[in-house]
């Protein structure tokens, strides 16, 4: 029996286990994983110690990893739209064995990944050799960021502020600028992240720890008013890629009449949020979840602008040191985007 190493959940840490290397059936493909990003969802499962399942909600360990890029090494006889050696990115929701790395049978933080019922355009799409595997592994989180921007319906005439300069916030910034949006501000509390925001194309940044967000937005986007005629910033769209009550309340305090707030970060339950304050601006709250259509819509532009997207990766760590990679990801503020790479 041929085995491979795979990363599974434990409590506040990972467990690297030896599992049987999958053998593809007639409609399947086997991918050799060459890079896999670590997501906040991965660290959420680690904090839980697994994933709740069954009628009693008991926690069970799961294989991790849903941001892979790799190459096809084996194909089932009925798979005709791929060939061995193709470089591919994956739709974690495009397999019949459950969502990859999020409770499904397989996780992509493994040496090999079985792609059940594999089909180009649904399960995978091919990308060229001009793009490194580590940058290609950003395809899935950049689809999340793209859906957020699509939900915002931002136009070139809009002004936007993005709260949170992590991978999703910075990805949204890139998509907004590629969409032609005239002015995009990024707010965060970590100076190094704000430097990255400028490097990927933000027009301005705000250190929300040391600066007054409302006043800075007035300076950058001009003055407007809320529904009561009170002076507010002229910002059209607020994007929450941070997921903390301070972001919601800063938006309520700054929003003009008819502004929009797009929530892509997960907000925990809180009694600190001023929902009533939304009335003063008739603020529209828009939730953005996943990537209903965007998973492969983003690939061509990711390929075209791969050097720009590469700036989102703060750490590239070999699989032999995967414990270090997850330690970084589990430490708040220690890393922006960690990608685990696999040997050539």
Foldseek 3Di string as FASTA:
>chain_A
DDWWWFWKAAAQFIDIDIDRQDDDAQQKWKWFWFKFWDDPVLSVCNNVGAFQDDPVRDGDMDTATQQTKTFTQDHHNNADPDDGGFIKTFDQCLAPQHRARNPGNHHRLIRMTMGHSDDDPRTIHGDDPVFDRHLSSCLFLLLLLVLLLVLQVDALDAEEEEEDLFLSSLSVLLNCVVRNNPAYEYEEQDVVSNVLSVLLPHPYYYNVVPDLVFVVQCVVQNWAAAQVRHIAHNHAEYEYPDQEQVSQVSCLRHAHANHEYEYSHHHDDDPSHDPVSCVRRVYHYHYGYGRPPRSCVCNVVCNVPVVSSVSNFFEEAESVVVRVQVVQVNDPPSGRMYMYGYDD
